[in-house]
């Protein structure tokens, strides 16, 4: 029985597509062209200091956008992202509702956008994407510190997929949010962390 189970497991693993061994961490291996955000594998996370003693985090799950990618000359790439602010999710359903209606005012400002204006290579597989972040109707320059996580042929989508991680810091005071009662209990600086996979257009 053990031998049969082991044989079955080996056969199954051989039939499964490779997960990590075929990943290229060389950006130049990725086909040049347009990529679309894969929304099921993309999140924008945010963390802010609460009461001065801990971090409180949430995320935006509704992210769409495109990347015009040039792995040989990354500075010629371009990124455009839309975030559905109503996709906000924190550990508290009550807070979610309060943030959407009373802070982000999603009835008036349902979408946040980021459009790159400059890209600079800073190291191996690392770079800075500077662009305009429009949030709550206010546009400010933001720089994303970005890492190319790798690329490969997608196991099921029959196209190339690339992955990136990025981070930035913003101040919510810069975006004209309402002066809600609890604002004095949280820090002004917000840390953004983005994890994304993008699929090459066929």
C-alpha atoms as a PDB file:
ATOM      1  CA  UNK A   1       0.000   0.000   0.000  1.00  0.00           C
ATOM      2  CA  UNK A   2       2.802   2.407   0.895  1.00  0.00           C
ATOM      3  CA  UNK A   3       4.612   1.599  -2.350  1.00  0.00           C
ATOM      4  CA  UNK A   4       1.454   2.197  -4.385  1.00  0.00           C
ATOM      5  CA  UNK A   5       0.776   5.472  -2.587  1.00  0.00           C
ATOM      6  CA  UNK A   6       4.341   6.648  -3.129  1.00  0.00           C
ATOM      7  CA  UNK A   7       4.187   5.729  -6.811  1.00  0.00           C
ATOM      8  CA  UNK A   8       0.904   7.576  -7.230  1.00  0.00           C
ATOM      9  CA  UNK A   9       2.318  10.642  -5.510  1.00  0.00           C
ATOM     10  CA  UNK A  10       5.391  10.651  -7.737  1.00  0.00           C
ATOM     11  CA  UNK A  11       3.290  10.300 -10.881  1.00  0.00           C
ATOM     12  CA  UNK A  12       1.009  13.114  -9.763  1.00  0.00           C
ATOM     13  CA  UNK A  13       3.896  15.425  -8.998  1.00  0.00           C
ATOM     14  CA  UNK A  14       5.483  14.683 -12.359  1.00  0.00           C
ATOM     15  CA  UNK A  15       2.248  15.623 -14.108  1.00  0.00           C
ATOM     16  CA  UNK A  16       1.879  18.914 -12.248  1.00  0.00           C
ATOM     17  CA  UNK A  17       3.324  22.043 -13.860  1.00  0.00           C
ATOM     18  CA  UNK A  18       6.569  23.295 -12.395  1.00  0.00           C
ATOM     19  CA  UNK A  19       6.049  26.038  -9.842  1.00  0.00           C
ATOM     20  CA  UNK A  20       9.391  27.627  -9.053  1.00  0.00           C
ATOM     21  CA  UNK A  21      12.063  25.869 -11.082  1.00  0.00           C
ATOM     22  CA  UNK A  22      11.054  27.599 -14.331  1.00  0.00           C
ATOM     23  CA  UNK A  23      10.875  31.128 -12.910  1.00  0.00           C
ATOM     24  CA  UNK A  24      13.238  33.654 -14.467  1.00  0.00           C
ATOM     25  CA  UNK A  25      14.387  36.491 -12.229  1.00  0.00           C
ATOM     26  CA  UNK A  26      15.908  38.282 -15.206  1.00  0.00           C
ATOM     27  CA  UNK A  27      13.530  41.071 -16.331  1.00  0.00           C
ATOM     28  CA  UNK A  28      14.920  40.828 -19.863  1.00  0.00           C
ATOM     29  CA  UNK A  29      13.422  37.338 -20.116  1.00  0.00           C
ATOM     30  CA  UNK A  30       9.910  38.770 -19.964  1.00  0.00           C
ATOM     31  CA  UNK A  31       8.352  39.508 -23.361  1.00  0.00           C
ATOM     32  CA  UNK A  32       8.184  43.201 -24.147  1.00  0.00           C
ATOM     33  CA  UNK A  33       4.664  44.572 -24.351  1.00  0.00           C
ATOM     34  CA  UNK A  34       1.445  45.189 -22.468  1.00  0.00           C
ATOM     35  CA  UNK A  35       0.526  43.347 -19.279  1.00  0.00           C
ATOM     36  CA  UNK A  36      -2.724  43.434 -17.324  1.00  0.00           C
ATOM     37  CA  UNK A  37      -3.090  43.222 -13.559  1.00  0.00           C
ATOM     38  CA  UNK A  38      -4.303  39.793 -12.458  1.00  0.00           C
ATOM     39  CA  UNK A  39      -6.857  40.976  -9.864  1.00  0.00           C
ATOM     40  CA  UNK A  40      -7.113  37.656  -8.039  1.00  0.00           C
ATOM     41  CA  UNK A  41      -3.414  37.836  -7.189  1.00  0.00           C
ATOM     42  CA  UNK A  42      -3.068  41.543  -6.491  1.00  0.00           C
ATOM     43  CA  UNK A  43      -3.594  43.536  -3.305  1.00  0.00           C
ATOM     44  CA  UNK A  44      -2.760  46.993  -2.024  1.00  0.00           C
ATOM     45  CA  UNK A  45      -2.084  46.759   1.708  1.00  0.00           C
ATOM     46  CA  UNK A  46      -1.988  49.758   4.034  1.00  0.00           C
ATOM     47  CA  UNK A  47      -0.768  50.085   7.620  1.00  0.00           C
ATOM     48  CA  UNK A  48      -0.993  53.034   9.999  1.00  0.00           C
ATOM     49  CA  UNK A  49       0.073  53.551  13.604  1.00  0.00           C
ATOM     50  CA  UNK A  50      -2.798  53.228  16.088  1.00  0.00           C
ATOM     51  CA  UNK A  51      -2.683  54.839  19.532  1.00  0.00           C
ATOM     52  CA  UNK A  52       1.053  55.213  18.988  1.00  0.00           C
ATOM     53  CA  UNK A  53       1.646  51.621  20.071  1.00  0.00           C
ATOM     54  CA  UNK A  54       0.795  49.289  17.181  1.00  0.00           C
ATOM     55  CA  UNK A  55       0.109  49.073  13.495  1.00  0.00           C
ATOM     56  CA  UNK A  56      -3.392  48.689  12.075  1.00  0.00           C
ATOM     57  CA  UNK A  57      -3.624  47.233   8.593  1.00  0.00           C
ATOM     58  CA  UNK A  58      -6.150  46.717   5.847  1.00  0.00           C
ATOM     59  CA  UNK A  59      -6.210  46.254   2.111  1.00  0.00           C
ATOM     60  CA  UNK A  60      -7.822  47.186  -1.160  1.00  0.00           C
ATOM     61  CA  UNK A  61      -8.592  44.063  -3.179  1.00  0.00           C
ATOM     62  CA  UNK A  62     -10.194  45.663  -6.241  1.00  0.00           C
ATOM     63  CA  UNK A  63      -7.157  46.550  -8.321  1.00  0.00           C
ATOM     64  CA  UNK A  64      -7.008  46.787 -12.111  1.00  0.00           C
ATOM     65  CA  UNK A  65      -4.498  48.295 -14.483  1.00  0.00           C
ATOM     66  CA  UNK A  66      -1.897  47.876 -17.175  1.00  0.00           C
ATOM     67  CA  UNK A  67       1.866  47.802 -17.483  1.00  0.00           C
ATOM     68  CA  UNK A  68       3.711  48.556 -20.705  1.00  0.00           C
ATOM     69  CA  UNK A  69       6.838  46.578 -19.877  1.00  0.00           C
ATOM     70  CA  UNK A  70      10.308  46.794 -21.357  1.00  0.00           C
ATOM     71  CA  UNK A  71      12.630  44.531 -19.384  1.00  0.00           C
ATOM     72  CA  UNK A  72      15.696  45.580 -21.376  1.00  0.00           C
ATOM     73  CA  UNK A  73      15.014  49.274 -20.754  1.00  0.00           C
ATOM     74  CA  UNK A  74      12.757  49.449 -17.693  1.00  0.00           C
ATOM     75  CA  UNK A  75      12.827  53.253 -17.710  1.00  0.00           C
ATOM     76  CA  UNK A  76      10.747  53.094 -20.902  1.00  0.00           C
ATOM     77  CA  UNK A  77       7.996  51.130 -19.149  1.00  0.00           C
ATOM     78  CA  UNK A  78       4.735  52.726 -18.012  1.00  0.00           C
ATOM     79  CA  UNK A  79       2.247  51.798 -15.294  1.00  0.00           C
ATOM     80  CA  UNK A  80      -1.401  52.799 -14.829  1.00  0.00           C
ATOM     81  CA  UNK A  81      -3.437  51.468 -11.901  1.00  0.00           C
ATOM     82  CA  UNK A  82      -7.050  51.894 -10.752  1.00  0.00           C
ATOM     83  CA  UNK A  83      -8.126  50.985  -7.216  1.00  0.00           C
ATOM     84  CA  UNK A  84     -11.758  50.445  -6.270  1.00  0.00           C
ATOM     85  CA  UNK A  85     -11.873  52.235  -2.918  1.00  0.00           C
ATOM     86  CA  UNK A  86     -15.083  50.377  -2.048  1.00  0.00           C
ATOM     87  CA  UNK A  87     -13.023  47.165  -2.015  1.00  0.00           C
ATOM     88  CA  UNK A  88     -11.445  48.351   1.256  1.00  0.00           C
ATOM     89  CA  UNK A  89     -11.244  45.576   3.843  1.00  0.00           C
ATOM     90  CA  UNK A  90     -10.117  45.787   7.495  1.00  0.00           C
ATOM     91  CA  UNK A  91     -10.668  43.424  10.448  1.00  0.00           C
ATOM     92  CA  UNK A  92     -13.795  45.446  11.361  1.00  0.00           C
ATOM     93  CA  UNK A  93     -16.915  45.523   9.180  1.00  0.00           C
ATOM     94  CA  UNK A  94     -18.136  48.547  11.130  1.00  0.00           C
ATOM     95  CA  UNK A  95     -14.897  50.417  10.470  1.00  0.00           C
ATOM     96  CA  UNK A  96     -15.063  49.476   6.793  1.00  0.00           C
ATOM     97  CA  UNK A  97     -18.441  51.176   6.507  1.00  0.00           C
ATOM     98  CA  UNK A  98     -17.261  54.250   8.418  1.00  0.00           C
ATOM     99  CA  UNK A  99     -14.113  54.600   6.328  1.00  0.00           C
ATOM    100  CA  UNK A 100     -15.951  54.267   3.027  1.00  0.00           C
ATOM    101  CA  UNK A 101     -18.706  56.755   3.809  1.00  0.00           C
ATOM    102  CA  UNK A 102     -17.163  59.207   6.256  1.00  0.00           C
ATOM    103  CA  UNK A 103     -13.448  59.212   5.419  1.00  0.00           C
ATOM    104  CA  UNK A 104     -12.821  58.144   1.839  1.00  0.00           C
ATOM    105  CA  UNK A 105     -16.262  59.464   0.812  1.00  0.00           C
ATOM    106  CA  UNK A 106     -16.562  56.791  -1.843  1.00  0.00           C
ATOM    107  CA  UNK A 107     -19.889  58.126  -3.095  1.00  0.00           C
ATOM    108  CA  UNK A 108     -17.922  61.079  -4.501  1.00  0.00           C
ATOM    109  CA  UNK A 109     -14.488  59.485  -4.924  1.00  0.00           C
ATOM    110  CA  UNK A 110     -14.975  55.774  -5.726  1.00  0.00           C
ATOM    111  CA  UNK A 111     -11.650  55.268  -7.485  1.00  0.00           C
ATOM    112  CA  UNK A 112      -8.010  55.966  -6.675  1.00  0.00           C
ATOM    113  CA  UNK A 113      -5.496  56.011  -9.518  1.00  0.00           C
ATOM    114  CA  UNK A 114      -1.740  55.848  -9.992  1.00  0.00           C
ATOM    115  CA  UNK A 115      -0.021  56.795 -13.242  1.00  0.00           C
ATOM    116  CA  UNK A 116       3.738  56.560 -13.590  1.00  0.00           C
ATOM    117  CA  UNK A 117       5.725  59.583 -14.707  1.00  0.00           C
ATOM    118  CA  UNK A 118       9.284  58.229 -14.364  1.00  0.00           C
ATOM    119  CA  UNK A 119      10.995  54.896 -13.729  1.00  0.00           C
ATOM    120  CA  UNK A 120      14.555  54.505 -12.465  1.00  0.00           C
ATOM    121  CA  UNK A 121      16.611  51.338 -12.018  1.00  0.00           C
ATOM    122  CA  UNK A 122      18.263  51.321  -8.581  1.00  0.00           C
ATOM    123  CA  UNK A 123      19.729  47.812  -8.376  1.00  0.00           C
ATOM    124  CA  UNK A 124      19.429  44.240  -9.552  1.00  0.00           C
ATOM    125  CA  UNK A 125      15.712  43.672 -10.150  1.00  0.00           C
ATOM    126  CA  UNK A 126      14.967  46.835  -8.176  1.00  0.00           C
ATOM    127  CA  UNK A 127      13.741  50.243  -9.169  1.00  0.00           C
ATOM    128  CA  UNK A 128      11.699  53.285  -8.281  1.00  0.00           C
ATOM    129  CA  UNK A 129       8.437  54.080 -10.014  1.00  0.00           C
ATOM    130  CA  UNK A 130       7.458  57.701  -9.514  1.00  0.00           C
ATOM    131  CA  UNK A 131       3.963  58.737 -10.457  1.00  0.00           C
ATOM    132  CA  UNK A 132       0.820  60.682  -9.654  1.00  0.00           C
ATOM    133  CA  UNK A 133      -1.458  59.185  -7.014  1.00  0.00           C
ATOM    134  CA  UNK A 134      -4.988  60.560  -7.105  1.00  0.00           C
ATOM    135  CA  UNK A 135      -6.880  59.777  -3.909  1.00  0.00           C
ATOM    136  CA  UNK A 136      -9.969  61.486  -2.491  1.00  0.00           C
ATOM    137  CA  UNK A 137      -9.858  63.885  -5.426  1.00  0.00           C
ATOM    138  CA  UNK A 138      -6.319  65.071  -4.649  1.00  0.00           C
ATOM    139  CA  UNK A 139      -3.257  64.274  -6.775  1.00  0.00           C
ATOM    140  CA  UNK A 140       0.198  63.978  -5.215  1.00  0.00           C
ATOM    141  CA  UNK A 141       3.534  62.567  -6.436  1.00  0.00           C
ATOM    142  CA  UNK A 142       4.434  59.197  -4.921  1.00  0.00           C
ATOM    143  CA  UNK A 143       7.459  56.953  -5.429  1.00  0.00           C
ATOM    144  CA  UNK A 144       7.057  53.175  -5.297  1.00  0.00           C
ATOM    145  CA  UNK A 145      10.167  51.216  -4.332  1.00  0.00           C
ATOM    146  CA  UNK A 146       9.725  48.198  -6.551  1.00  0.00           C
ATOM    147  CA  UNK A 147      11.208  44.706  -6.850  1.00  0.00           C
ATOM    148  CA  UNK A 148      10.795  42.438  -9.865  1.00  0.00           C
ATOM    149  CA  UNK A 149       9.870  39.066  -8.385  1.00  0.00           C
ATOM    150  CA  UNK A 150      10.249  37.030 -11.545  1.00  0.00           C
ATOM    151  CA  UNK A 151       8.396  35.801 -14.579  1.00  0.00           C
ATOM    152  CA  UNK A 152       7.321  32.535 -16.190  1.00  0.00           C
ATOM    153  CA  UNK A 153       4.754  30.995 -18.467  1.00  0.00           C
ATOM    154  CA  UNK A 154       1.483  30.838 -16.569  1.00  0.00           C
ATOM    155  CA  UNK A 155       0.450  27.246 -15.913  1.00  0.00           C
ATOM    156  CA  UNK A 156      -3.170  27.767 -16.973  1.00  0.00           C
ATOM    157  CA  UNK A 157      -3.535  31.114 -18.770  1.00  0.00           C
ATOM    158  CA  UNK A 158      -1.219  30.171 -21.662  1.00  0.00           C
ATOM    159  CA  UNK A 159       0.642  33.456 -21.449  1.00  0.00           C
ATOM    160  CA  UNK A 160       3.590  34.984 -19.610  1.00  0.00           C
ATOM    161  CA  UNK A 161       3.117  36.242 -16.066  1.00  0.00           C
ATOM    162  CA  UNK A 162       5.342  38.608 -14.087  1.00  0.00           C
ATOM    163  CA  UNK A 163       5.308  39.478 -10.404  1.00  0.00           C
ATOM    164  CA  UNK A 164       6.248  42.626  -8.532  1.00  0.00           C
ATOM    165  CA  UNK A 165       6.411  43.829  -4.941  1.00  0.00           C
ATOM    166  CA  UNK A 166       6.359  47.530  -4.123  1.00  0.00           C
ATOM    167  CA  UNK A 167       6.117  49.863  -1.160  1.00  0.00           C
ATOM    168  CA  UNK A 168       5.631  53.559  -0.499  1.00  0.00           C
ATOM    169  CA  UNK A 169       4.843  55.959   2.306  1.00  0.00           C
ATOM    170  CA  UNK A 170       2.206  58.670   2.095  1.00  0.00           C
ATOM    171  CA  UNK A 171       0.569  61.063   4.554  1.00  0.00           C
ATOM    172  CA  UNK A 172      -3.193  61.060   4.776  1.00  0.00           C
ATOM    173  CA  UNK A 173      -3.090  64.771   5.656  1.00  0.00           C
ATOM    174  CA  UNK A 174      -1.991  65.400   2.056  1.00  0.00           C
ATOM    175  CA  UNK A 175      -5.273  64.132   0.625  1.00  0.00           C
ATOM    176  CA  UNK A 176      -7.854  66.434   2.252  1.00  0.00           C
ATOM    177  CA  UNK A 177      -9.686  63.721   4.159  1.00  0.00           C
ATOM    178  CA  UNK A 178     -12.443  64.831   6.556  1.00  0.00           C
ATOM    179  CA  UNK A 179     -11.366  65.582  10.121  1.00  0.00           C
ATOM    180  CA  UNK A 180     -13.136  62.594  11.702  1.00  0.00           C
ATOM    181  CA  UNK A 181     -13.231  62.182  15.490  1.00  0.00           C
ATOM    182  CA  UNK A 182     -10.777  59.271  15.649  1.00  0.00           C
ATOM    183  CA  UNK A 183      -8.149  60.924  13.469  1.00  0.00           C
ATOM    184  CA  UNK A 184      -6.136  62.042  16.516  1.00  0.00           C
ATOM    185  CA  UNK A 185      -5.677  58.382  17.515  1.00  0.00           C
ATOM    186  CA  UNK A 186      -3.835  57.372  14.352  1.00  0.00           C
ATOM    187  CA  UNK A 187      -0.545  58.452  12.839  1.00  0.00           C
ATOM    188  CA  UNK A 188      -0.352  60.583   9.729  1.00  0.00           C
ATOM    189  CA  UNK A 189       2.077  58.331   7.865  1.00  0.00           C
ATOM    190  CA  UNK A 190       0.615  55.409   5.938  1.00  0.00           C
ATOM    191  CA  UNK A 191       2.771  52.549   4.659  1.00  0.00           C
ATOM    192  CA  UNK A 192       1.574  51.031   1.400  1.00  0.00           C
ATOM    193  CA  UNK A 193       2.628  47.557   0.284  1.00  0.00           C
ATOM    194  CA  UNK A 194       1.659  46.221  -3.121  1.00  0.00           C
ATOM    195  CA  UNK A 195       1.869  42.618  -4.269  1.00  0.00           C
ATOM    196  CA  UNK A 196       0.850  41.902  -7.831  1.00  0.00           C
ATOM    197  CA  UNK A 197       0.971  39.469 -10.705  1.00  0.00           C
ATOM    198  CA  UNK A 198       0.418  40.679 -14.254  1.00  0.00           C
ATOM    199  CA  UNK A 199      -0.429  38.695 -17.362  1.00  0.00           C
ATOM    200  CA  UNK A 200       0.935  39.463 -20.807  1.00  0.00           C
ATOM    201  CA  UNK A 201      -1.776  40.300 -23.296  1.00  0.00           C
ATOM    202  CA  UNK A 202      -2.107  37.657 -25.970  1.00  0.00           C
END
